[in-house]
Amino acid sequence: MLLHKFGQLTVTEHEYLPMLYAIIWDDVENSLALRKSARAAHLARVHELVATGRLVVGGPFPAIDSSEPAAAGFAGGLIVAEFQSREEAEHWINEDPYTKEGVIGSLNVKPFIQVVP
């Protein structure tokens, strides 16, 4: 029986080995109104990741160099979370209200290895 190490977790070759994925996107131009209309539903989905212990970090990229961008809005976002595969991560973001409501202009999903907290 082959054992793998993932941080402090030891699993056999037949068990689920967690993998993190970085979901990185750029918003469409002038996305603020679209973001506002889809935000509650988007955050509800993100909170499901939190509740199941799968979210590492998530948040928007302000359009300006400020923690309070106000009317300048946001340029995109990042979610790093645990999924069973890249396909599952892609499916998750494709079903997200930000995707369905047209907030996301370009999207990239990449495997991610967390080295430091």
Protein backbone atom coordinates (compact mmCIF):
# COMPACT_ATOMS: atom_id res chain seq x y z
CA MET A 1 0.00 0.00 0.00
CA LEU A 2 1.59 3.24 -1.19
CA LEU A 3 1.36 6.22 1.14
CA HIS A 4 1.49 9.86 0.10
CA LYS A 5 2.23 12.88 2.28
CA PHE A 6 0.25 16.09 1.82
CA GLY A 7 1.21 18.53 4.56
CA GLN A 8 0.35 16.68 7.76
CA LEU A 9 -2.14 14.38 5.99
CA THR A 10 -1.19 10.81 5.11
CA VAL A 11 -3.43 8.94 2.70
CA THR A 12 -3.30 5.66 0.85
CA GLU A 13 -3.22 5.54 -2.94
CA HIS A 14 -6.94 4.66 -2.98
CA GLU A 15 -8.09 7.60 -0.88
CA TYR A 16 -8.92 11.13 -1.98
CA LEU A 17 -5.79 13.31 -2.09
CA PRO A 18 -6.85 16.96 -1.79
CA MET A 19 -5.71 19.39 -4.46
CA LEU A 20 -5.91 23.14 -4.39
CA TYR A 21 -6.87 25.19 -7.43
CA ALA A 22 -6.42 28.91 -8.00
CA ILE A 23 -9.38 30.42 -9.83
CA ILE A 24 -8.22 33.76 -11.23
CA TRP A 25 -10.33 36.08 -13.32
CA ASP A 26 -10.45 39.54 -14.85
CA ASP A 27 -13.73 41.39 -14.80
CA VAL A 28 -15.32 42.85 -17.89
CA GLU A 29 -15.06 46.65 -18.21
CA ASN A 30 -17.42 48.57 -15.92
CA SER A 31 -18.39 45.45 -13.97
CA LEU A 32 -19.45 47.17 -10.76
CA ALA A 33 -23.22 47.15 -11.43
CA LEU A 34 -23.07 43.49 -12.53
CA ARG A 35 -21.03 42.60 -9.44
CA LYS A 36 -23.49 44.31 -7.13
CA SER A 37 -26.46 42.44 -8.61
CA ALA A 38 -24.75 39.02 -8.37
CA ARG A 39 -22.74 39.53 -5.18
CA ALA A 40 -25.13 37.99 -2.62
CA ALA A 41 -25.56 34.80 -4.64
CA HIS A 42 -21.81 34.63 -5.37
CA LEU A 43 -20.97 34.99 -1.67
CA ALA A 44 -23.51 32.31 -0.74
CA ARG A 45 -21.62 29.86 -2.97
CA VAL A 46 -18.27 30.96 -1.53
CA HIS A 47 -19.60 30.47 2.00
CA GLU A 48 -20.42 26.85 1.04
CA LEU A 49 -16.68 26.37 0.42
CA VAL A 50 -15.96 27.96 3.80
CA ALA A 51 -18.51 25.75 5.60
CA THR A 52 -16.94 22.60 4.17
CA GLY A 53 -13.39 23.71 5.01
CA ARG A 54 -12.36 23.91 1.34
CA LEU A 55 -11.62 27.64 0.96
CA VAL A 56 -8.04 28.84 1.52
CA VAL A 57 -8.46 32.46 0.41
CA GLY A 58 -10.70 34.51 -1.80
CA GLY A 59 -11.37 38.09 -2.73
CA PRO A 60 -11.47 40.78 -5.38
CA PHE A 61 -8.72 42.81 -7.04
CA PRO A 62 -9.56 46.51 -6.57
CA ALA A 63 -9.44 48.53 -9.80
CA ILE A 64 -7.32 51.14 -8.00
CA ASP A 65 -4.65 50.97 -5.30
CA SER A 66 -7.08 51.17 -2.39
CA SER A 67 -8.84 48.85 0.04
CA GLU A 68 -11.97 50.98 -0.55
CA PRO A 69 -12.18 51.42 -4.34
CA ALA A 70 -15.74 52.85 -4.26
CA ALA A 71 -16.94 53.77 -7.75
CA ALA A 72 -13.67 52.56 -9.34
CA GLY A 73 -14.89 49.03 -8.63
CA PHE A 74 -12.90 45.86 -9.12
CA ALA A 75 -10.67 44.44 -11.82
CA GLY A 76 -11.14 40.75 -11.09
CA GLY A 77 -10.84 38.18 -8.35
CA LEU A 78 -9.11 35.15 -6.89
CA ILE A 79 -10.35 32.05 -5.13
CA VAL A 80 -7.99 29.35 -3.89
CA ALA A 81 -9.96 26.30 -2.80
CA GLU A 82 -9.86 22.53 -2.64
CA PHE A 83 -11.47 20.58 -5.48
CA GLN A 84 -11.15 16.97 -6.61
CA SER A 85 -10.00 18.00 -10.09
CA ARG A 86 -9.44 20.97 -12.38
CA GLU A 87 -12.68 20.02 -14.11
CA GLU A 88 -14.58 20.31 -10.82
CA ALA A 89 -13.00 23.73 -10.14
CA GLU A 90 -13.88 24.89 -13.67
CA HIS A 91 -17.43 23.61 -13.26
CA TRP A 92 -17.74 25.40 -9.92
CA ILE A 93 -16.73 28.79 -11.34
CA ASN A 94 -18.76 28.28 -14.52
CA GLU A 95 -21.86 27.82 -12.34
CA ASP A 96 -21.08 30.88 -10.24
CA PRO A 97 -23.36 33.93 -10.50
CA TYR A 98 -20.39 36.13 -11.45
CA THR A 99 -19.91 33.97 -14.54
CA LYS A 100 -23.60 33.65 -15.35
CA GLU A 101 -24.27 37.39 -14.91
CA GLY A 102 -21.34 38.42 -17.12
CA VAL A 103 -18.96 39.82 -14.47
CA ILE A 104 -16.07 37.57 -15.53
CA GLY A 105 -14.34 38.52 -18.78
CA SER A 106 -11.36 36.16 -18.77
CA LEU A 107 -10.76 33.17 -16.55
CA ASN A 108 -7.89 30.88 -15.62
CA VAL A 109 -8.01 27.82 -13.35
CA LYS A 110 -4.64 26.42 -12.25
CA PRO A 111 -3.48 23.74 -9.81
CA PHE A 112 -1.96 25.37 -6.75
CA ILE A 113 0.46 24.07 -4.11
CA GLN A 114 0.36 25.99 -0.84
CA VAL A 115 3.86 26.25 0.60
CA VAL A 116 3.30 28.84 3.33
CA PRO A 117 0.16 30.06 5.07
